[in-house]
N, C-alpha and C. Protein backbone atom coordinates (compact mmCIF):
# COMPACT_ATOMS: atom_id res chain seq x y z
N MET A 1 59.80 -74.17 -42.99
CA MET A 1 58.43 -74.86 -43.64
C MET A 1 58.23 -75.89 -42.79
N GLN A 2 57.02 -76.14 -42.59
CA GLN A 2 55.93 -76.66 -42.09
C GLN A 2 55.49 -77.71 -42.70
N ARG A 3 55.87 -79.03 -42.28
CA ARG A 3 55.52 -80.38 -42.95
C ARG A 3 54.41 -80.73 -42.05
N ILE A 4 52.78 -81.13 -42.60
CA ILE A 4 51.69 -82.08 -42.18
C ILE A 4 51.21 -82.71 -42.97
N VAL A 5 51.26 -83.85 -42.27
CA VAL A 5 50.91 -85.04 -43.14
C VAL A 5 49.48 -85.65 -42.45
N VAL A 6 48.32 -86.15 -43.40
CA VAL A 6 47.49 -86.49 -43.18
C VAL A 6 47.52 -87.95 -43.32
N LEU A 7 47.29 -88.67 -42.11
CA LEU A 7 47.10 -90.37 -42.44
C LEU A 7 46.40 -90.99 -41.39
N ASN A 8 45.86 -91.93 -42.05
CA ASN A 8 44.79 -92.89 -41.67
C ASN A 8 44.75 -93.73 -43.10
N PRO A 9 45.21 -95.44 -42.40
CA PRO A 9 45.22 -96.46 -43.08
C PRO A 9 43.64 -96.89 -43.78
N LYS A 10 42.79 -96.32 -43.30
CA LYS A 10 41.31 -96.32 -43.58
C LYS A 10 40.93 -95.41 -45.01
N GLY A 11 40.30 -95.67 -45.95
CA GLY A 11 39.93 -94.99 -46.48
C GLY A 11 38.39 -94.21 -46.03
N GLY A 12 38.18 -93.28 -46.84
CA GLY A 12 37.43 -92.53 -46.69
C GLY A 12 36.77 -92.06 -45.22
N SER A 13 37.91 -91.66 -44.66
CA SER A 13 38.22 -91.00 -43.21
C SER A 13 38.09 -89.68 -43.06
N GLY A 14 37.97 -88.95 -44.44
CA GLY A 14 38.05 -87.25 -44.81
C GLY A 14 39.77 -86.88 -44.41
N LYS A 15 40.77 -87.76 -45.06
CA LYS A 15 42.20 -87.25 -45.20
C LYS A 15 42.10 -86.08 -46.35
N THR A 16 41.34 -86.39 -47.76
CA THR A 16 41.64 -85.47 -48.78
C THR A 16 40.80 -84.11 -48.42
N THR A 17 40.00 -84.25 -47.67
CA THR A 17 39.04 -82.96 -46.93
C THR A 17 40.12 -82.59 -45.94
N ILE A 18 40.66 -82.55 -45.05
CA ILE A 18 41.22 -82.03 -44.22
C ILE A 18 42.58 -81.83 -44.57
N ALA A 19 43.23 -82.17 -45.81
CA ALA A 19 44.59 -81.85 -46.47
C ALA A 19 44.13 -80.35 -47.54
N THR A 20 43.10 -80.78 -47.99
CA THR A 20 43.12 -79.31 -48.90
C THR A 20 42.40 -78.26 -48.33
N ASN A 21 41.46 -78.37 -47.19
CA ASN A 21 41.02 -77.56 -46.27
C ASN A 21 42.27 -77.22 -45.34
N LEU A 22 42.83 -77.57 -44.76
CA LEU A 22 44.42 -76.67 -44.46
C LEU A 22 44.96 -76.06 -45.55
N ALA A 23 45.37 -76.59 -46.80
CA ALA A 23 46.37 -76.00 -47.61
C ALA A 23 45.46 -74.37 -48.59
N ALA A 24 44.11 -74.55 -48.43
CA ALA A 24 43.24 -73.51 -48.56
C ALA A 24 43.32 -72.47 -47.66
N TYR A 25 43.25 -72.78 -46.32
CA TYR A 25 43.52 -71.68 -44.69
C TYR A 25 45.13 -70.99 -44.97
N PHE A 26 46.02 -71.80 -45.19
CA PHE A 26 47.18 -71.21 -45.69
C PHE A 26 46.94 -70.48 -46.65
N ALA A 27 46.81 -70.69 -47.48
CA ALA A 27 46.77 -69.50 -49.14
C ALA A 27 46.19 -68.24 -48.63
N ALA A 28 44.64 -68.40 -48.03
CA ALA A 28 43.85 -67.58 -47.77
C ALA A 28 44.27 -66.35 -46.37
N GLY A 29 45.60 -67.39 -45.81
CA GLY A 29 46.68 -66.50 -44.78
C GLY A 29 47.60 -65.70 -45.54
N GLY A 30 48.16 -65.91 -46.44
CA GLY A 30 48.94 -65.03 -47.69
C GLY A 30 50.06 -65.96 -47.34
N HIS A 31 50.01 -67.26 -46.82
CA HIS A 31 51.15 -68.32 -46.83
C HIS A 31 51.04 -68.80 -48.02
N VAL A 32 52.12 -69.90 -48.58
CA VAL A 32 52.41 -70.33 -49.97
C VAL A 32 52.75 -71.90 -49.63
N PRO A 33 51.24 -72.64 -49.77
CA PRO A 33 51.24 -74.01 -49.41
C PRO A 33 51.84 -74.92 -50.54
N VAL A 34 52.07 -75.96 -50.82
CA VAL A 34 51.68 -76.84 -51.17
C VAL A 34 51.18 -78.33 -50.82
N LEU A 35 50.45 -78.72 -51.63
CA LEU A 35 49.71 -79.95 -51.73
C LEU A 35 50.50 -80.94 -52.47
N MET A 36 50.53 -82.07 -51.20
CA MET A 36 51.54 -83.49 -51.89
C MET A 36 50.32 -84.87 -52.05
N ASP A 37 50.35 -84.92 -53.29
CA ASP A 37 49.14 -86.14 -53.44
C ASP A 37 49.29 -87.45 -53.86
N PHE A 38 49.40 -88.36 -52.34
CA PHE A 38 49.98 -89.15 -52.79
C PHE A 38 49.29 -90.34 -53.22
N ASP A 39 47.97 -90.09 -52.86
CA ASP A 39 46.66 -91.09 -53.27
C ASP A 39 46.25 -91.08 -54.71
N PRO A 40 46.35 -92.64 -54.96
CA PRO A 40 46.29 -92.78 -56.65
C PRO A 40 44.82 -92.27 -57.14
N GLN A 41 43.85 -91.85 -56.16
CA GLN A 41 42.56 -91.43 -56.64
C GLN A 41 42.51 -90.10 -57.33
N GLY A 42 43.74 -89.30 -56.86
CA GLY A 42 44.13 -88.20 -57.27
C GLY A 42 42.92 -87.38 -57.52
N SER A 43 42.23 -87.45 -55.89
CA SER A 43 41.35 -85.67 -56.01
C SER A 43 42.10 -84.76 -55.34
N THR A 44 43.01 -85.08 -53.92
CA THR A 44 43.86 -83.34 -54.49
C THR A 44 44.41 -82.86 -55.55
N THR A 45 44.56 -83.44 -56.48
CA THR A 45 45.46 -82.99 -57.68
C THR A 45 44.17 -82.35 -58.50
N ARG A 46 43.05 -83.30 -58.78
CA ARG A 46 41.65 -82.72 -59.37
C ARG A 46 41.20 -81.23 -58.72
N TRP A 47 41.23 -81.43 -57.42
CA TRP A 47 40.57 -79.88 -56.56
C TRP A 47 41.51 -78.86 -56.57
N VAL A 48 42.43 -79.02 -56.51
CA VAL A 48 43.51 -78.23 -57.08
C VAL A 48 43.85 -77.76 -58.35
N GLY A 49 43.38 -78.45 -59.40
CA GLY A 49 42.84 -78.10 -60.69
C GLY A 49 41.67 -77.37 -61.02
N LYS A 50 40.78 -77.46 -59.99
CA LYS A 50 39.69 -77.19 -60.19
C LYS A 50 39.56 -75.78 -59.78
N ARG A 51 40.61 -74.87 -58.88
CA ARG A 51 40.60 -73.60 -58.36
C ARG A 51 40.30 -72.68 -59.37
N GLN A 52 39.35 -71.44 -58.84
CA GLN A 52 39.48 -70.38 -59.75
C GLN A 52 40.84 -69.42 -59.57
N SER A 53 41.30 -68.62 -61.13
CA SER A 53 42.44 -67.98 -61.07
C SER A 53 42.43 -67.19 -60.03
N ASN A 54 41.54 -66.40 -59.62
CA ASN A 54 41.45 -65.46 -58.58
C ASN A 54 41.68 -65.64 -57.34
N GLN A 55 41.55 -66.98 -56.85
CA GLN A 55 41.77 -67.78 -55.43
C GLN A 55 43.08 -67.75 -55.29
N PRO A 56 43.69 -67.80 -54.11
CA PRO A 56 44.71 -67.96 -53.24
C PRO A 56 45.60 -69.09 -54.04
N LYS A 57 46.72 -68.40 -54.38
CA LYS A 57 47.76 -70.09 -55.19
C LYS A 57 47.85 -71.35 -54.32
N ILE A 58 47.81 -72.29 -54.36
CA ILE A 58 47.93 -73.98 -54.01
C ILE A 58 48.95 -74.37 -54.76
N ASN A 59 49.95 -75.01 -54.74
CA ASN A 59 50.56 -75.65 -55.69
C ASN A 59 50.32 -76.84 -55.35
N VAL A 60 50.73 -77.94 -56.15
CA VAL A 60 50.29 -79.27 -56.15
C VAL A 60 51.16 -80.63 -56.88
N ILE A 61 51.71 -81.50 -56.17
CA ILE A 61 52.60 -82.36 -56.42
C ILE A 61 51.82 -83.41 -56.65
N ALA A 62 52.26 -83.90 -57.58
CA ALA A 62 50.97 -85.39 -57.74
C ALA A 62 52.09 -86.16 -57.59
N ALA A 63 52.37 -86.94 -56.58
CA ALA A 63 53.54 -87.86 -55.93
C ALA A 63 52.86 -89.32 -56.48
N TYR A 64 51.39 -89.54 -56.65
CA TYR A 64 51.35 -90.63 -56.75
C TYR A 64 51.76 -91.00 -58.38
N GLU A 65 51.88 -90.23 -59.18
CA GLU A 65 52.64 -90.46 -60.66
C GLU A 65 53.91 -90.90 -60.46
N LYS A 66 54.51 -91.75 -61.11
CA LYS A 66 55.75 -92.64 -61.17
C LYS A 66 56.31 -92.32 -62.41
N ASP A 67 57.43 -91.42 -62.77
CA ASP A 67 57.80 -91.00 -64.16
C ASP A 67 58.93 -91.26 -63.97
N GLY A 68 59.02 -92.33 -65.22
CA GLY A 68 60.63 -93.04 -64.88
C GLY A 68 61.58 -92.20 -65.79
N ARG A 69 61.21 -90.73 -66.57
CA ARG A 69 62.15 -90.30 -67.17
C ARG A 69 62.82 -89.07 -66.05
N MET A 70 62.56 -89.01 -64.53
CA MET A 70 62.95 -88.16 -63.57
C MET A 70 63.43 -88.73 -62.34
N THR A 71 64.23 -88.73 -62.02
CA THR A 71 64.54 -89.23 -60.23
C THR A 71 63.46 -88.66 -59.41
N ARG A 72 63.25 -89.36 -58.64
CA ARG A 72 61.53 -89.17 -57.48
C ARG A 72 61.85 -88.21 -56.49
N ALA A 73 63.72 -87.85 -56.47
CA ALA A 73 63.75 -87.08 -55.29
C ALA A 73 63.27 -85.74 -55.91
N PHE A 74 63.53 -85.75 -57.62
CA PHE A 74 63.71 -84.29 -58.27
C PHE A 74 62.12 -84.19 -58.82
N GLN A 75 61.17 -85.26 -58.78
CA GLN A 75 59.65 -85.46 -59.04
C GLN A 75 58.86 -84.91 -58.13
N LEU A 76 59.63 -84.88 -56.74
CA LEU A 76 58.99 -84.80 -54.99
C LEU A 76 59.20 -83.32 -54.60
N ARG A 77 60.37 -82.51 -55.31
CA ARG A 77 60.88 -81.59 -54.88
C ARG A 77 60.33 -80.39 -54.90
N ILE A 78 60.16 -79.58 -53.77
CA ILE A 78 59.25 -78.52 -53.01
C ILE A 78 59.25 -76.93 -53.76
N PRO A 79 58.62 -76.78 -54.32
CA PRO A 79 58.74 -75.13 -55.21
C PRO A 79 59.67 -74.21 -53.79
N GLN A 80 60.01 -73.57 -54.67
CA GLN A 80 60.60 -72.08 -53.53
C GLN A 80 60.44 -71.39 -53.27
N GLY A 81 60.10 -71.13 -51.74
CA GLY A 81 59.16 -70.28 -51.34
C GLY A 81 57.91 -70.90 -50.41
N THR A 82 57.85 -72.06 -50.72
CA THR A 82 56.68 -72.63 -50.03
C THR A 82 57.00 -72.37 -48.28
N THR A 83 55.97 -72.36 -47.94
CA THR A 83 55.93 -72.21 -46.55
C THR A 83 55.37 -73.11 -45.55
N HIS A 84 54.42 -74.18 -46.50
CA HIS A 84 53.47 -75.39 -45.49
C HIS A 84 53.58 -76.75 -46.44
N VAL A 85 54.20 -77.60 -46.48
CA VAL A 85 53.59 -78.73 -47.32
C VAL A 85 52.50 -79.70 -46.25
N VAL A 86 51.40 -79.77 -47.07
CA VAL A 86 49.95 -80.54 -46.33
C VAL A 86 50.65 -81.94 -47.44
N VAL A 87 50.74 -83.07 -46.53
CA VAL A 87 50.66 -84.79 -47.36
C VAL A 87 49.49 -85.36 -47.03
N ASP A 88 48.90 -85.54 -48.35
CA ASP A 88 47.40 -86.19 -48.59
C ASP A 88 48.05 -87.88 -48.87
N THR A 89 47.91 -88.50 -47.90
CA THR A 89 48.29 -90.05 -48.04
C THR A 89 47.26 -90.99 -48.85
N PRO A 90 47.45 -92.41 -49.22
CA PRO A 90 46.37 -93.18 -49.57
C PRO A 90 46.20 -93.69 -48.43
N ALA A 91 45.03 -94.37 -48.61
CA ALA A 91 44.37 -95.86 -47.96
C ALA A 91 45.51 -96.81 -47.86
N ALA A 92 45.49 -97.57 -47.00
CA ALA A 92 46.25 -98.73 -46.65
C ALA A 92 47.64 -98.36 -47.18
N VAL A 93 48.33 -97.70 -46.23
CA VAL A 93 49.72 -97.55 -46.58
C VAL A 93 50.51 -98.93 -46.04
N PRO A 94 51.09 -99.46 -46.59
CA PRO A 94 51.71 -100.46 -46.09
C PRO A 94 52.73 -100.11 -45.39
N GLY A 95 53.26 -100.67 -44.49
CA GLY A 95 54.35 -100.45 -43.28
C GLY A 95 55.71 -100.21 -43.80
N PRO A 96 56.31 -100.59 -44.96
CA PRO A 96 57.67 -100.15 -45.59
C PRO A 96 57.37 -98.83 -45.93
N GLU A 97 56.41 -98.15 -46.32
CA GLU A 97 55.89 -96.73 -46.92
C GLU A 97 55.68 -96.17 -46.10
N MET A 98 55.47 -96.18 -45.00
CA MET A 98 55.10 -95.32 -43.71
C MET A 98 56.10 -94.56 -43.57
N PRO A 99 57.68 -94.91 -43.35
CA PRO A 99 59.02 -93.84 -42.94
C PRO A 99 58.87 -93.20 -43.76
N ASP A 100 58.89 -93.27 -45.38
CA ASP A 100 59.01 -92.16 -46.36
C ASP A 100 57.92 -91.03 -46.22
N LEU A 101 56.50 -91.25 -46.04
CA LEU A 101 55.37 -90.48 -46.03
C LEU A 101 55.69 -89.29 -44.31
N THR A 102 56.17 -90.00 -43.61
CA THR A 102 56.24 -89.60 -42.34
C THR A 102 57.26 -88.63 -41.93
N ARG A 103 58.67 -89.10 -42.71
CA ARG A 103 59.93 -88.50 -42.54
C ARG A 103 59.57 -86.91 -42.44
N GLY A 104 60.35 -86.22 -41.24
CA GLY A 104 60.32 -85.10 -41.48
C GLY A 104 58.89 -83.84 -41.43
N ALA A 105 58.21 -84.78 -40.31
CA ALA A 105 57.05 -84.42 -40.76
C ALA A 105 56.49 -83.36 -39.26
N ASP A 106 56.33 -82.06 -38.98
CA ASP A 106 56.26 -81.59 -37.84
C ASP A 106 54.97 -81.83 -37.54
N LYS A 107 53.60 -82.27 -37.67
CA LYS A 107 52.89 -83.02 -37.28
C LYS A 107 51.75 -84.06 -38.12
N ILE A 108 51.39 -85.39 -37.51
CA ILE A 108 50.58 -86.35 -37.98
C ILE A 108 49.26 -85.67 -37.86
N LEU A 109 48.23 -85.50 -38.97
CA LEU A 109 46.50 -85.44 -38.39
C LEU A 109 46.43 -87.33 -38.87
N VAL A 110 45.45 -87.71 -37.77
CA VAL A 110 45.01 -89.11 -38.20
C VAL A 110 43.42 -88.69 -37.62
N PRO A 111 42.81 -88.34 -38.96
CA PRO A 111 41.23 -87.98 -38.76
C PRO A 111 40.77 -89.54 -38.48
N VAL A 112 39.41 -89.74 -37.80
CA VAL A 112 38.85 -90.76 -37.40
C VAL A 112 37.58 -90.74 -37.92
N LEU A 113 36.92 -89.98 -38.58
CA LEU A 113 35.54 -89.62 -39.02
C LEU A 113 35.58 -89.27 -40.35
N PRO A 114 34.67 -90.08 -41.05
CA PRO A 114 34.17 -89.29 -42.38
C PRO A 114 33.77 -87.80 -42.59
N SER A 115 34.26 -86.81 -43.53
CA SER A 115 33.28 -85.98 -43.44
C SER A 115 32.16 -86.01 -44.12
N ASP A 116 31.02 -85.21 -44.35
CA ASP A 116 29.91 -85.20 -45.40
C ASP A 116 30.39 -85.67 -47.17
N ILE A 117 31.11 -84.62 -47.09
CA ILE A 117 31.89 -85.03 -48.90
C ILE A 117 32.44 -86.34 -49.12
N ASP A 118 32.86 -87.13 -48.09
CA ASP A 118 33.56 -88.54 -48.06
C ASP A 118 32.24 -89.56 -48.31
N ILE A 119 31.33 -89.19 -47.59
CA ILE A 119 30.02 -89.75 -47.32
C ILE A 119 29.11 -89.68 -48.97
N HIS A 120 29.34 -88.35 -49.50
CA HIS A 120 27.96 -88.22 -50.50
C HIS A 120 29.21 -88.73 -51.70
N ALA A 121 30.47 -88.68 -51.25
CA ALA A 121 31.28 -89.37 -52.73
C ALA A 121 30.83 -90.47 -52.47
N ARG A 122 31.19 -91.70 -51.37
CA ARG A 122 31.11 -92.91 -51.49
C ARG A 122 29.58 -93.39 -51.99
N GLU A 123 28.91 -92.57 -51.50
CA GLU A 123 27.74 -92.89 -52.10
C GLU A 123 26.97 -92.87 -53.43
N ILE A 124 27.60 -91.79 -53.91
CA ILE A 124 27.45 -91.67 -55.22
C ILE A 124 28.45 -92.86 -56.52
N LEU A 125 29.69 -93.23 -56.05
CA LEU A 125 30.64 -94.26 -56.37
C LEU A 125 29.45 -95.79 -56.37
N ARG A 126 28.53 -95.86 -55.15
CA ARG A 126 28.19 -97.22 -54.70
C ARG A 126 26.69 -97.06 -55.78
N THR A 127 26.15 -96.02 -55.66
CA THR A 127 25.46 -95.79 -57.01
C THR A 127 25.30 -96.10 -58.40
N ARG A 128 26.62 -95.34 -58.61
CA ARG A 128 26.71 -95.29 -60.27
C ARG A 128 27.77 -96.80 -60.59
N ASP A 129 28.20 -97.70 -59.45
CA ASP A 129 28.24 -98.91 -59.82
C ASP A 129 27.26 -100.01 -60.06
N LYS A 130 26.36 -100.03 -59.37
CA LYS A 130 25.07 -100.58 -59.32
C LYS A 130 24.31 -99.89 -60.67
N LEU A 131 24.01 -98.92 -60.82
CA LEU A 131 23.55 -98.52 -62.19
C LEU A 131 24.18 -99.03 -63.30
N ASN A 132 25.47 -98.92 -63.21
CA ASN A 132 26.36 -99.71 -64.21
C ASN A 132 26.05 -101.37 -64.28
N GLU A 133 26.11 -101.72 -63.48
CA GLU A 133 25.58 -103.58 -63.64
C GLU A 133 24.15 -103.61 -63.78
N LEU A 134 23.52 -102.65 -63.67
CA LEU A 134 21.76 -102.57 -64.49
C LEU A 134 22.11 -102.30 -66.05
N LEU A 135 22.76 -101.51 -66.53
CA LEU A 135 23.36 -101.06 -67.70
C LEU A 135 23.41 -102.32 -68.29
N VAL A 136 24.85 -102.69 -67.90
CA VAL A 136 25.45 -104.28 -68.69
C VAL A 136 24.37 -105.13 -68.38
N LYS A 137 23.41 -105.53 -67.29
CA LYS A 137 22.28 -106.41 -67.88
C LYS A 137 21.41 -106.58 -69.05
N HIS A 138 21.12 -105.25 -69.02
CA HIS A 138 19.87 -104.47 -69.97
C HIS A 138 20.04 -104.45 -71.39
N THR A 139 21.71 -104.16 -71.31
CA THR A 139 21.74 -103.55 -72.76
C THR A 139 22.89 -104.67 -73.53
N GLY A 140 23.60 -105.66 -72.61
CA GLY A 140 24.38 -106.14 -73.07
C GLY A 140 25.56 -106.10 -73.66
N GLN A 141 26.11 -104.87 -73.08
CA GLN A 141 27.23 -104.10 -73.52
C GLN A 141 28.22 -104.40 -72.44
N THR A 142 29.37 -104.37 -72.49
CA THR A 142 30.31 -105.02 -71.59
C THR A 142 30.31 -103.83 -70.45
N ILE A 143 31.12 -104.35 -69.33
CA ILE A 143 31.36 -103.62 -68.21
C ILE A 143 32.13 -102.27 -68.59
N ASP A 144 33.05 -102.59 -69.30
CA ASP A 144 34.33 -101.46 -69.71
C ASP A 144 33.64 -100.56 -70.68
N ARG A 145 32.91 -100.76 -71.36
CA ARG A 145 32.42 -100.19 -72.89
C ARG A 145 30.97 -99.24 -71.15
N ILE A 146 30.26 -99.57 -70.57
CA ILE A 146 29.70 -98.81 -69.97
C ILE A 146 30.46 -97.96 -68.81
N LYS A 147 31.27 -98.48 -68.49
CA LYS A 147 32.25 -97.83 -67.38
C LYS A 147 32.92 -96.33 -68.28
N SER A 148 32.99 -96.68 -69.36
CA SER A 148 33.80 -95.34 -69.87
C SER A 148 32.84 -94.94 -70.97
N ASP A 149 31.50 -95.21 -70.63
CA ASP A 149 30.48 -94.34 -71.16
C ASP A 149 29.70 -93.56 -70.45
N THR A 150 29.58 -94.05 -69.06
CA THR A 150 28.99 -93.32 -68.39
C THR A 150 30.09 -92.56 -67.45
N GLU A 151 31.23 -92.11 -68.07
CA GLU A 151 32.19 -91.64 -67.09
C GLU A 151 32.10 -90.20 -67.02
N ARG A 152 31.27 -89.86 -68.35
CA ARG A 152 30.93 -88.32 -68.85
C ARG A 152 29.87 -88.28 -69.47
N ASP A 153 29.35 -87.19 -69.54
CA ASP A 153 27.81 -87.31 -70.83
C ASP A 153 28.20 -87.68 -72.17
N TYR A 154 27.03 -88.34 -72.49
CA TYR A 154 27.27 -89.65 -73.51
C TYR A 154 25.77 -89.08 -74.03
N PHE A 155 25.80 -88.29 -74.82
CA PHE A 155 24.52 -88.31 -75.66
C PHE A 155 24.28 -89.16 -76.44
N MET A 156 23.22 -89.87 -76.91
CA MET A 156 22.69 -90.53 -78.13
C MET A 156 21.37 -90.11 -78.80
N SER A 157 21.31 -90.37 -79.72
CA SER A 157 19.70 -89.73 -80.44
C SER A 157 18.72 -91.16 -80.17
N ALA A 158 17.96 -90.99 -80.52
CA ALA A 158 17.09 -92.37 -80.34
C ALA A 158 17.29 -93.56 -80.72
N MET A 159 17.48 -93.51 -82.29
CA MET A 159 17.78 -94.59 -82.91
C MET A 159 19.28 -95.08 -82.34
N GLU A 160 20.32 -94.38 -82.05
CA GLU A 160 21.49 -94.92 -80.79
C GLU A 160 21.08 -95.11 -79.86
N SER A 161 20.22 -94.90 -79.09
CA SER A 161 19.90 -95.67 -78.32
C SER A 161 19.22 -96.79 -78.36
N LYS A 162 18.69 -97.09 -79.16
CA LYS A 162 18.24 -98.40 -79.41
C LYS A 162 18.98 -99.45 -79.82
N GLU A 163 20.00 -99.19 -80.63
CA GLU A 163 21.27 -100.08 -81.19
C GLU A 163 21.91 -100.19 -79.92
N TYR A 164 22.05 -99.20 -79.02
CA TYR A 164 23.17 -99.29 -77.85
C TYR A 164 21.74 -100.42 -76.74
N GLY A 165 20.98 -100.24 -76.67
CA GLY A 165 19.95 -101.27 -75.98
C GLY A 165 19.32 -100.79 -75.01
N ILE A 166 19.52 -99.51 -74.69
CA ILE A 166 19.07 -98.96 -73.68
C ILE A 166 17.21 -99.14 -74.03
N ILE A 167 17.08 -98.55 -74.77
CA ILE A 167 15.41 -98.36 -75.37
C ILE A 167 15.28 -99.33 -75.99
N ASP A 168 13.91 -100.07 -76.35
CA ASP A 168 13.16 -101.35 -76.80
C ASP A 168 13.17 -100.78 -78.30
N GLU A 169 12.42 -99.85 -78.63
CA GLU A 169 11.69 -99.19 -79.46
C GLU A 169 11.50 -97.73 -79.72
N VAL A 170 12.02 -97.04 -80.91
CA VAL A 170 11.54 -95.92 -80.91
C VAL A 170 10.19 -95.38 -81.58
N LEU A 171 9.62 -94.58 -80.90
CA LEU A 171 7.81 -94.22 -81.26
C LEU A 171 7.97 -93.37 -82.45
N VAL A 172 7.30 -93.34 -83.16
CA VAL A 172 7.11 -91.76 -84.21
C VAL A 172 5.69 -91.86 -84.58
N GLN A 173 5.32 -90.88 -84.93
CA GLN A 173 4.05 -90.17 -84.90
C GLN A 173 3.81 -90.88 -86.72
N LYS A 174 2.50 -91.41 -86.76
CA LYS A 174 2.54 -91.34 -88.07
C LYS A 174 1.86 -90.30 -88.71
N PRO A 175 2.54 -90.25 -90.07
CA PRO A 175 1.73 -89.25 -90.97
C PRO A 175 0.28 -89.19 -90.83
N GLY A 176 -0.29 -87.83 -90.80
CA GLY A 176 -1.72 -87.43 -90.88
C GLY A 176 -2.66 -88.06 -89.70
N VAL A 177 -1.30 -87.85 -88.35
CA VAL A 177 -2.46 -88.38 -87.21
C VAL A 177 -1.59 -87.26 -86.44
N VAL A 178 -3.13 -86.96 -85.57
CA VAL A 178 -2.90 -85.68 -85.29
C VAL A 178 -2.59 -85.96 -83.90
N ALA A 179 -1.77 -85.50 -82.54
CA ALA A 179 -1.72 -85.90 -81.77
C ALA A 179 -2.79 -85.16 -81.20
N THR A 180 -3.29 -85.56 -79.47
CA THR A 180 -4.22 -84.95 -78.71
C THR A 180 -4.04 -84.62 -77.45
N LYS A 181 -4.25 -84.20 -76.74
CA LYS A 181 -3.74 -84.00 -74.96
C LYS A 181 -4.25 -84.88 -74.47
């Protein structure tokens, strides 16, 4: 079993993109890879969860999750028959944790440039944060409420939008008035 660790102390350097692409490459070649996701953002785990059932199987271990009901060794156990372990590490790994992440590694990859996916994701997050700040300022809602409401689609009626503070007034057509172009 080959163990490949993708490691860089800087966030946004392309670690997750490289780790997921390696696992997909191995799976497409008929191997049985497992991705170990140590990054608390959980991007690798989400990526595996979104794969189609007709795509080659990739196992994932959400190593960033700590479960007090089981030993850490049991939680991190590698499934039987695994041919490749690809470890996706978080940014800013503390020095004392480095030996645990790299122990037994056959290869350590250190990406030095962010991928287009990483740049795009960072820009989306920056834009979202800016929009959330504007919504807080103009609606009077708390940042926690805005973050929660903008995490997924959140549909409102015209009146709900007014109560929320997104709009100032609901315009209605007066009875008997015909709209013209």
